[in-house]
Amino acid sequence: MVTATARARSEAMNWLKVGVISGILAGIVYIVYEMVVAEISGQGLLMPLRRIGAMVLGPDVLSPTAAAGTAVIVGIILALVLSIVYGVAVALTVAGISYFQENPRLLIGMVTLWAFFLYIFNYFFWGRTFWPWFFQSNSFWQFLGITVFFGTVLGLLLAERKHLGGR
């Protein structure tokens, strides 16, 4: 006989797994979006990954003469790690609120709104404080990327969790 505690633990692990998968997939969509916008705006396809990599490596990797390889690899890794952290945080929050689980549209809207606040906090607090080079790109396109191409995608994936190995 399965106890309520074991069932709750299993459900939490299930949401954790779905959060990881959803975070990775939404992160990939966001990275591709940022790369396309950067290329169209003339900044270069790899500039978003270099900016993200510079969060760890420092602003010297943004120089046109700096080799992009390490910065791009670090940027990909950091972007995906952050996407996993955000995906898991949202998934575990949703796991504790059955109303969101039962209302996919509300879930998608809530995660999109959460991503909007994530954008505000990351862009205007962390960005201004530690990583001013993020202001070299158009803030509207960053807002759209984080809110829609990460947040809404994450919400859609969480709403469809059964297809990601969830229950």
N, C-alpha and C. Protein backbone atom coordinates (compact mmCIF):
# COMPACT_ATOMS: atom_id res chain seq x y z
N MET A 1 0.84 -1.18 0.00
CA MET A 1 0.00 0.00 0.00
C MET A 1 0.89 1.25 0.00
N VAL A 2 0.59 2.15 -0.88
CA VAL A 2 1.37 3.38 -0.99
C VAL A 2 0.84 4.41 0.00
N THR A 3 1.73 4.95 0.79
CA THR A 3 1.31 5.94 1.77
C THR A 3 1.14 7.30 1.10
N ALA A 4 0.45 8.18 1.80
CA ALA A 4 0.25 9.53 1.27
C ALA A 4 1.58 10.26 1.12
N THR A 5 2.50 10.01 2.04
CA THR A 5 3.82 10.64 1.97
C THR A 5 4.58 10.17 0.74
N ALA A 6 4.54 8.87 0.48
CA ALA A 6 5.23 8.32 -0.69
C ALA A 6 4.60 8.86 -1.98
N ARG A 7 3.30 8.97 -1.99
CA ARG A 7 2.60 9.51 -3.16
C ARG A 7 2.98 10.97 -3.39
N ALA A 8 3.02 11.75 -2.32
CA ALA A 8 3.40 13.17 -2.43
C ALA A 8 4.84 13.31 -2.90
N ARG A 9 5.72 12.46 -2.39
CA ARG A 9 7.13 12.49 -2.80
C ARG A 9 7.25 12.13 -4.28
N SER A 10 6.51 11.12 -4.70
CA SER A 10 6.53 10.71 -6.10
C SER A 10 6.01 11.83 -7.01
N GLU A 11 4.96 12.48 -6.57
CA GLU A 11 4.39 13.60 -7.34
C GLU A 11 5.38 14.76 -7.43
N ALA A 12 6.06 15.06 -6.32
CA ALA A 12 7.05 16.14 -6.33
C ALA A 12 8.21 15.80 -7.26
N MET A 13 8.67 14.55 -7.24
CA MET A 13 9.76 14.13 -8.13
C MET A 13 9.31 14.21 -9.59
N ASN A 14 8.05 13.87 -9.82
CA ASN A 14 7.50 13.96 -11.16
C ASN A 14 7.52 15.41 -11.65
N TRP A 15 7.08 16.34 -10.81
CA TRP A 15 7.10 17.75 -11.17
C TRP A 15 8.53 18.26 -11.33
N LEU A 16 9.44 17.76 -10.51
CA LEU A 16 10.85 18.13 -10.64
C LEU A 16 11.37 17.74 -12.02
N LYS A 17 11.10 16.51 -12.43
CA LYS A 17 11.53 16.02 -13.74
C LYS A 17 10.92 16.86 -14.86
N VAL A 18 9.64 17.11 -14.76
CA VAL A 18 8.96 17.93 -15.78
C VAL A 18 9.52 19.35 -15.79
N GLY A 19 9.86 19.88 -14.62
CA GLY A 19 10.46 21.21 -14.54
C GLY A 19 11.81 21.27 -15.24
N VAL A 20 12.62 20.24 -15.05
CA VAL A 20 13.93 20.19 -15.71
C VAL A 20 13.75 20.14 -17.23
N ILE A 21 12.92 19.22 -17.69
CA ILE A 21 12.71 19.07 -19.14
C ILE A 21 12.10 20.34 -19.73
N SER A 22 11.08 20.87 -19.08
CA SER A 22 10.42 22.09 -19.57
C SER A 22 11.38 23.27 -19.57
N GLY A 23 12.18 23.38 -18.52
CA GLY A 23 13.16 24.46 -18.45
C GLY A 23 14.17 24.39 -19.58
N ILE A 24 14.67 23.19 -19.86
CA ILE A 24 15.64 23.03 -20.95
C ILE A 24 15.00 23.40 -22.28
N LEU A 25 13.81 22.88 -22.55
CA LEU A 25 13.16 23.16 -23.84
C LEU A 25 12.82 24.65 -23.99
N ALA A 26 12.28 25.26 -22.94
CA ALA A 26 11.97 26.70 -23.01
C ALA A 26 13.25 27.50 -23.14
N GLY A 27 14.32 27.06 -22.47
CA GLY A 27 15.60 27.75 -22.58
C GLY A 27 16.16 27.70 -23.99
N ILE A 28 16.02 26.57 -24.65
CA ILE A 28 16.49 26.44 -26.04
C ILE A 28 15.69 27.37 -26.95
N VAL A 29 14.37 27.39 -26.77
CA VAL A 29 13.54 28.30 -27.58
C VAL A 29 13.98 29.74 -27.36
N TYR A 30 14.21 30.12 -26.11
CA TYR A 30 14.64 31.48 -25.79
C TYR A 30 16.00 31.80 -26.42
N ILE A 31 16.95 30.89 -26.30
CA ILE A 31 18.29 31.12 -26.87
C ILE A 31 18.20 31.31 -28.38
N VAL A 32 17.45 30.45 -29.04
CA VAL A 32 17.31 30.57 -30.50
C VAL A 32 16.66 31.91 -30.86
N TYR A 33 15.62 32.28 -30.13
CA TYR A 33 14.96 33.58 -30.36
C TYR A 33 15.98 34.71 -30.23
N GLU A 34 16.75 34.73 -29.14
CA GLU A 34 17.73 35.79 -28.92
C GLU A 34 18.77 35.83 -30.04
N MET A 35 19.20 34.67 -30.50
CA MET A 35 20.20 34.62 -31.57
C MET A 35 19.63 35.17 -32.88
N VAL A 36 18.40 34.83 -33.19
CA VAL A 36 17.77 35.34 -34.42
C VAL A 36 17.62 36.85 -34.35
N VAL A 37 17.14 37.37 -33.23
CA VAL A 37 16.98 38.82 -33.06
C VAL A 37 18.33 39.52 -33.18
N ALA A 38 19.36 38.95 -32.56
CA ALA A 38 20.69 39.56 -32.63
C ALA A 38 21.22 39.58 -34.06
N GLU A 39 21.01 38.51 -34.77
CA GLU A 39 21.49 38.44 -36.16
C GLU A 39 20.74 39.45 -37.03
N ILE A 40 19.43 39.53 -36.89
CA ILE A 40 18.63 40.47 -37.68
C ILE A 40 19.03 41.91 -37.37
N SER A 41 19.34 42.19 -36.11
CA SER A 41 19.68 43.56 -35.72
C SER A 41 21.14 43.91 -35.97
N GLY A 42 21.90 42.98 -36.54
CA GLY A 42 23.28 43.27 -36.92
C GLY A 42 24.30 43.08 -35.81
N GLN A 43 23.90 42.49 -34.69
CA GLN A 43 24.84 42.27 -33.59
C GLN A 43 25.63 40.98 -33.74
N GLY A 44 25.15 40.10 -34.56
CA GLY A 44 25.80 38.81 -34.75
C GLY A 44 25.06 37.71 -34.02
N LEU A 45 25.02 36.58 -34.64
CA LEU A 45 24.27 35.43 -34.15
C LEU A 45 24.69 34.98 -32.75
N LEU A 46 25.96 35.08 -32.43
CA LEU A 46 26.46 34.56 -31.16
C LEU A 46 26.50 35.59 -30.03
N MET A 47 26.18 36.84 -30.32
CA MET A 47 26.29 37.87 -29.29
C MET A 47 25.46 37.59 -28.04
N PRO A 48 24.23 37.10 -28.13
CA PRO A 48 23.49 36.81 -26.89
C PRO A 48 24.21 35.79 -26.01
N LEU A 49 24.79 34.77 -26.63
CA LEU A 49 25.51 33.76 -25.85
C LEU A 49 26.79 34.34 -25.26
N ARG A 50 27.43 35.23 -25.99
CA ARG A 50 28.63 35.89 -25.46
C ARG A 50 28.26 36.77 -24.27
N ARG A 51 27.13 37.47 -24.36
CA ARG A 51 26.69 38.31 -23.23
C ARG A 51 26.40 37.46 -22.00
N ILE A 52 25.75 36.35 -22.21
CA ILE A 52 25.45 35.46 -21.08
C ILE A 52 26.75 34.88 -20.53
N GLY A 53 27.65 34.46 -21.40
CA GLY A 53 28.95 33.96 -20.96
C GLY A 53 29.74 34.99 -20.19
N ALA A 54 29.59 36.26 -20.58
CA ALA A 54 30.30 37.35 -19.90
C ALA A 54 29.84 37.53 -18.46
N MET A 55 28.68 37.01 -18.12
CA MET A 55 28.22 37.07 -16.73
C MET A 55 29.19 36.32 -15.82
N VAL A 56 29.82 35.29 -16.35
CA VAL A 56 30.78 34.49 -15.60
C VAL A 56 32.22 34.91 -15.92
N LEU A 57 32.50 35.13 -17.20
CA LEU A 57 33.87 35.36 -17.66
C LEU A 57 34.30 36.82 -17.62
N GLY A 58 33.34 37.73 -17.50
CA GLY A 58 33.66 39.15 -17.49
C GLY A 58 33.48 39.78 -18.85
N PRO A 59 33.41 41.12 -18.91
CA PRO A 59 33.08 41.83 -20.14
C PRO A 59 34.15 41.77 -21.22
N ASP A 60 35.36 41.34 -20.91
CA ASP A 60 36.41 41.27 -21.92
C ASP A 60 36.04 40.33 -23.07
N VAL A 61 35.21 39.33 -22.81
CA VAL A 61 34.84 38.38 -23.86
C VAL A 61 33.89 38.99 -24.88
N LEU A 62 33.41 40.20 -24.62
CA LEU A 62 32.51 40.88 -25.55
C LEU A 62 33.26 41.68 -26.60
N SER A 63 34.55 41.83 -26.43
CA SER A 63 35.36 42.58 -27.38
C SER A 63 35.33 41.88 -28.74
N PRO A 64 35.25 42.67 -29.82
CA PRO A 64 35.24 42.06 -31.16
C PRO A 64 36.50 41.23 -31.44
N THR A 65 37.58 41.52 -30.75
CA THR A 65 38.83 40.78 -30.98
C THR A 65 38.94 39.53 -30.11
N ALA A 66 38.05 39.37 -29.14
CA ALA A 66 38.09 38.20 -28.26
C ALA A 66 37.53 36.98 -28.98
N ALA A 67 38.16 35.85 -28.75
CA ALA A 67 37.65 34.60 -29.32
C ALA A 67 36.30 34.27 -28.68
N ALA A 68 35.37 33.88 -29.51
CA ALA A 68 34.00 33.67 -29.03
C ALA A 68 33.78 32.29 -28.42
N GLY A 69 34.62 31.32 -28.74
CA GLY A 69 34.37 29.93 -28.38
C GLY A 69 34.03 29.68 -26.92
N THR A 70 34.93 30.08 -26.03
CA THR A 70 34.71 29.83 -24.60
C THR A 70 33.48 30.57 -24.10
N ALA A 71 33.33 31.83 -24.50
CA ALA A 71 32.19 32.62 -24.05
C ALA A 71 30.87 32.00 -24.52
N VAL A 72 30.85 31.49 -25.73
CA VAL A 72 29.63 30.88 -26.27
C VAL A 72 29.29 29.60 -25.50
N ILE A 73 30.30 28.77 -25.25
CA ILE A 73 30.06 27.52 -24.51
C ILE A 73 29.58 27.82 -23.10
N VAL A 74 30.25 28.76 -22.42
CA VAL A 74 29.83 29.14 -21.07
C VAL A 74 28.43 29.74 -21.12
N GLY A 75 28.14 30.54 -22.15
CA GLY A 75 26.82 31.14 -22.30
C GLY A 75 25.72 30.10 -22.46
N ILE A 76 25.99 29.09 -23.26
CA ILE A 76 25.00 28.01 -23.45
C ILE A 76 24.76 27.29 -22.13
N ILE A 77 25.85 26.93 -21.47
CA ILE A 77 25.72 26.19 -20.20
C ILE A 77 24.97 27.03 -19.16
N LEU A 78 25.37 28.29 -19.00
CA LEU A 78 24.72 29.14 -18.00
C LEU A 78 23.24 29.37 -18.34
N ALA A 79 22.95 29.62 -19.61
CA ALA A 79 21.55 29.83 -20.02
C ALA A 79 20.70 28.60 -19.71
N LEU A 80 21.24 27.43 -19.99
CA LEU A 80 20.46 26.21 -19.73
C LEU A 80 20.35 25.91 -18.23
N VAL A 81 21.41 26.17 -17.47
CA VAL A 81 21.33 25.97 -16.02
C VAL A 81 20.27 26.89 -15.42
N LEU A 82 20.30 28.17 -15.81
CA LEU A 82 19.29 29.11 -15.30
C LEU A 82 17.89 28.69 -15.74
N SER A 83 17.76 28.21 -16.98
CA SER A 83 16.46 27.75 -17.47
C SER A 83 15.95 26.57 -16.66
N ILE A 84 16.86 25.67 -16.30
CA ILE A 84 16.47 24.52 -15.46
C ILE A 84 16.03 25.00 -14.08
N VAL A 85 16.81 25.90 -13.49
CA VAL A 85 16.46 26.42 -12.16
C VAL A 85 15.09 27.08 -12.20
N TYR A 86 14.86 27.94 -13.20
CA TYR A 86 13.57 28.61 -13.31
C TYR A 86 12.46 27.61 -13.59
N GLY A 87 12.71 26.65 -14.47
CA GLY A 87 11.71 25.64 -14.79
C GLY A 87 11.31 24.81 -13.58
N VAL A 88 12.31 24.41 -12.79
CA VAL A 88 12.03 23.62 -11.59
C VAL A 88 11.28 24.47 -10.56
N ALA A 89 11.71 25.72 -10.38
CA ALA A 89 11.05 26.59 -9.40
C ALA A 89 9.57 26.77 -9.73
N VAL A 90 9.29 27.01 -10.99
CA VAL A 90 7.89 27.20 -11.40
C VAL A 90 7.13 25.88 -11.30
N ALA A 91 7.73 24.79 -11.75
CA ALA A 91 7.05 23.49 -11.71
C ALA A 91 6.71 23.09 -10.28
N LEU A 92 7.64 23.30 -9.35
CA LEU A 92 7.36 22.93 -7.96
C LEU A 92 6.32 23.84 -7.34
N THR A 93 6.28 25.09 -7.78
CA THR A 93 5.23 26.00 -7.32
C THR A 93 3.87 25.50 -7.82
N VAL A 94 3.81 25.16 -9.10
CA VAL A 94 2.57 24.65 -9.69
C VAL A 94 2.16 23.35 -9.01
N ALA A 95 3.13 22.53 -8.65
CA ALA A 95 2.83 21.25 -7.99
C ALA A 95 2.06 21.45 -6.70
N GLY A 96 2.28 22.58 -6.04
CA GLY A 96 1.61 22.84 -4.78
C GLY A 96 0.29 23.57 -4.91
N ILE A 97 -0.09 23.93 -6.13
CA ILE A 97 -1.33 24.69 -6.33
C ILE A 97 -2.19 23.95 -7.34
N SER A 98 -3.10 23.14 -6.85
CA SER A 98 -3.89 22.29 -7.74
C SER A 98 -4.75 23.10 -8.72
N TYR A 99 -5.12 24.31 -8.33
CA TYR A 99 -5.96 25.13 -9.22
C TYR A 99 -5.25 25.39 -10.55
N PHE A 100 -3.93 25.64 -10.50
CA PHE A 100 -3.17 25.85 -11.73
C PHE A 100 -3.08 24.56 -12.54
N GLN A 101 -2.94 23.44 -11.86
CA GLN A 101 -2.84 22.15 -12.55
C GLN A 101 -4.13 21.83 -13.30
N GLU A 102 -5.25 22.26 -12.76
CA GLU A 102 -6.55 21.94 -13.35
C GLU A 102 -6.99 22.95 -14.40
N ASN A 103 -6.29 24.06 -14.53
CA ASN A 103 -6.65 25.13 -15.46
C ASN A 103 -5.46 25.51 -16.33
N PRO A 104 -5.27 24.81 -17.45
CA PRO A 104 -4.08 25.04 -18.28
C PRO A 104 -3.93 26.50 -18.74
N ARG A 105 -5.02 27.15 -19.10
CA ARG A 105 -4.92 28.54 -19.56
C ARG A 105 -4.43 29.45 -18.44
N LEU A 106 -4.96 29.23 -17.25
CA LEU A 106 -4.52 30.01 -16.10
C LEU A 106 -3.05 29.73 -15.80
N LEU A 107 -2.66 28.47 -15.90
CA LEU A 107 -1.26 28.10 -15.68
C LEU A 107 -0.35 28.82 -16.67
N ILE A 108 -0.71 28.80 -17.94
CA ILE A 108 0.10 29.46 -18.98
C ILE A 108 0.16 30.96 -18.70
N GLY A 109 -0.97 31.55 -18.37
CA GLY A 109 -0.99 32.99 -18.06
C GLY A 109 -0.16 33.32 -16.84
N MET A 110 -0.25 32.49 -15.80
CA MET A 110 0.52 32.73 -14.58
C MET A 110 2.02 32.64 -14.85
N VAL A 111 2.43 31.65 -15.62
CA VAL A 111 3.86 31.49 -15.90
C VAL A 111 4.35 32.63 -16.80
N THR A 112 3.53 33.07 -17.73
CA THR A 112 3.90 34.23 -18.56
C THR A 112 4.05 35.47 -17.69
N LEU A 113 3.13 35.69 -16.78
CA LEU A 113 3.22 36.83 -15.87
C LEU A 113 4.46 36.71 -14.98
N TRP A 114 4.73 35.52 -14.49
CA TRP A 114 5.93 35.28 -13.69
C TRP A 114 7.18 35.64 -14.49
N ALA A 115 7.21 35.26 -15.77
CA ALA A 115 8.37 35.57 -16.61
C ALA A 115 8.50 37.08 -16.83
N PHE A 116 7.38 37.78 -16.89
CA PHE A 116 7.43 39.24 -16.99
C PHE A 116 8.14 39.82 -15.77
N PHE A 117 7.77 39.36 -14.59
CA PHE A 117 8.44 39.84 -13.37
C PHE A 117 9.90 39.38 -13.31
N LEU A 118 10.17 38.20 -13.84
CA LEU A 118 11.56 37.74 -13.94
C LEU A 118 12.36 38.70 -14.81
N TYR A 119 11.78 39.11 -15.94
CA TYR A 119 12.43 40.08 -16.83
C TYR A 119 12.70 41.38 -16.08
N ILE A 120 11.69 41.92 -15.42
CA ILE A 120 11.85 43.19 -14.69
C ILE A 120 12.99 43.07 -13.68
N PHE A 121 12.97 42.02 -12.89
CA PHE A 121 13.99 41.86 -11.85
C PHE A 121 15.37 41.63 -12.46
N ASN A 122 15.48 40.69 -13.40
CA ASN A 122 16.79 40.38 -13.98
C ASN A 122 17.35 41.54 -14.78
N TYR A 123 16.52 42.16 -15.58
CA TYR A 123 17.00 43.20 -16.48
C TYR A 123 17.31 44.49 -15.73
N PHE A 124 16.38 44.93 -14.90
CA PHE A 124 16.54 46.24 -14.27
C PHE A 124 17.29 46.21 -12.94
N PHE A 125 17.32 45.07 -12.26
CA PHE A 125 18.10 45.01 -11.03
C PHE A 125 19.46 44.37 -11.29
N TRP A 126 19.45 43.08 -11.65
CA TRP A 126 20.73 42.40 -11.88
C TRP A 126 21.51 43.02 -13.03
N GLY A 127 20.81 43.29 -14.12
CA GLY A 127 21.49 43.86 -15.29
C GLY A 127 22.14 45.19 -14.98
N ARG A 128 21.40 46.10 -14.43
CA ARG A 128 21.96 47.43 -14.10
C ARG A 128 23.07 47.34 -13.05
N THR A 129 22.92 46.42 -12.12
CA THR A 129 23.87 46.32 -11.02
C THR A 129 25.16 45.62 -11.43
N PHE A 130 25.06 44.52 -12.16
CA PHE A 130 26.23 43.69 -12.42
C PHE A 130 26.61 43.54 -13.89
N TRP A 131 25.65 43.57 -14.80
CA TRP A 131 25.92 43.24 -16.19
C TRP A 131 25.34 44.29 -17.13
N PRO A 132 25.90 45.49 -17.16
CA PRO A 132 25.33 46.57 -17.96
C PRO A 132 25.36 46.32 -19.47
N TRP A 133 26.14 45.36 -19.93
CA TRP A 133 26.19 45.09 -21.37
C TRP A 133 24.88 44.54 -21.91
N PHE A 134 23.99 44.08 -21.05
CA PHE A 134 22.69 43.63 -21.55
C PHE A 134 21.86 44.81 -22.07
N PHE A 135 22.24 46.02 -21.71
CA PHE A 135 21.53 47.21 -22.20
C PHE A 135 21.98 47.61 -23.59
N GLN A 136 22.91 46.86 -24.18
CA GLN A 136 23.33 47.11 -25.55
C GLN A 136 22.30 46.58 -26.55
N SER A 137 21.41 45.77 -26.07
CA SER A 137 20.36 45.26 -26.96
C SER A 137 19.04 45.95 -26.61
N ASN A 138 18.13 45.91 -27.53
CA ASN A 138 16.84 46.58 -27.37
C ASN A 138 16.03 45.89 -26.26
N SER A 139 15.63 46.66 -25.26
CA SER A 139 14.94 46.07 -24.11
C SER A 139 13.58 45.48 -24.49
N PHE A 140 12.93 46.03 -25.53
CA PHE A 140 11.64 45.46 -25.94
C PHE A 140 11.82 44.02 -26.40
N TRP A 141 12.85 43.77 -27.20
CA TRP A 141 13.07 42.42 -27.71
C TRP A 141 13.47 41.47 -26.59
N GLN A 142 14.20 41.97 -25.60
CA GLN A 142 14.53 41.13 -24.44
C GLN A 142 13.27 40.83 -23.62
N PHE A 143 12.44 41.84 -23.44
CA PHE A 143 11.16 41.65 -22.74
C PHE A 143 10.34 40.58 -23.44
N LEU A 144 10.21 40.71 -24.75
CA LEU A 144 9.43 39.74 -25.53
C LEU A 144 10.04 38.34 -25.41
N GLY A 145 11.36 38.27 -25.48
CA GLY A 145 12.03 36.97 -25.40
C GLY A 145 11.80 36.27 -24.08
N ILE A 146 12.03 36.99 -22.99
CA ILE A 146 11.90 36.36 -21.67
C ILE A 146 10.44 36.07 -21.35
N THR A 147 9.56 37.01 -21.64
CA THR A 147 8.16 36.85 -21.28
C THR A 147 7.46 35.81 -22.14
N VAL A 148 7.61 35.92 -23.46
CA VAL A 148 6.87 35.03 -24.36
C VAL A 148 7.67 33.79 -24.74
N PHE A 149 8.89 34.00 -25.24
CA PHE A 149 9.65 32.88 -25.78
C PHE A 149 10.28 32.01 -24.69
N PHE A 150 10.31 32.50 -23.46
CA PHE A 150 10.67 31.62 -22.34
C PHE A 150 9.44 31.34 -21.48
N GLY A 151 8.80 32.38 -20.96
CA GLY A 151 7.71 32.21 -20.01
C GLY A 151 6.49 31.49 -20.57
N THR A 152 5.98 31.97 -21.68
CA THR A 152 4.79 31.34 -22.26
C THR A 152 5.11 29.92 -22.71
N VAL A 153 6.29 29.74 -23.30
CA VAL A 153 6.68 28.38 -23.72
C VAL A 153 6.78 27.47 -22.50
N LEU A 154 7.39 27.96 -21.42
CA LEU A 154 7.48 27.16 -20.19
C LEU A 154 6.07 26.82 -19.69
N GLY A 155 5.17 27.78 -19.70
CA GLY A 155 3.80 27.53 -19.27
C GLY A 155 3.10 26.50 -20.13
N LEU A 156 3.28 26.60 -21.45
CA LEU A 156 2.69 25.62 -22.36
C LEU A 156 3.22 24.22 -22.08
N LEU A 157 4.53 24.13 -21.87
CA LEU A 157 5.13 22.82 -21.60
C LEU A 157 4.65 22.25 -20.27
N LEU A 158 4.55 23.07 -19.26
CA LEU A 158 4.06 22.58 -17.97
C LEU A 158 2.60 22.17 -18.06
N ALA A 159 1.82 22.89 -18.86
CA ALA A 159 0.42 22.53 -19.05
C ALA A 159 0.28 21.19 -19.77
N GLU A 160 1.27 20.86 -20.57
CA GLU A 160 1.27 19.59 -21.32
C GLU A 160 2.21 18.58 -20.68
N ARG A 161 2.33 18.62 -19.38
CA ARG A 161 3.33 17.81 -18.67
C ARG A 161 3.20 16.31 -18.91
N LYS A 162 2.03 15.83 -19.24
CA LYS A 162 1.85 14.40 -19.48
C LYS A 162 2.71 13.93 -20.65
N HIS A 163 2.95 14.82 -21.60
CA HIS A 163 3.76 14.48 -22.77
C HIS A 163 5.25 14.55 -22.46
N LEU A 164 5.61 15.08 -21.29
CA LEU A 164 7.01 15.20 -20.89
C LEU A 164 7.37 14.19 -19.81
N GLY A 165 6.57 13.18 -19.67
CA GLY A 165 6.84 12.16 -18.67
C GLY A 165 6.12 12.39 -17.37
N GLY A 166 5.27 13.42 -17.33
CA GLY A 166 4.52 13.71 -16.11
C GLY A 166 3.23 12.90 -16.07
N ARG A 167 2.51 13.10 -14.99
CA ARG A 167 1.22 12.39 -14.84
C ARG A 167 0.09 13.37 -14.87
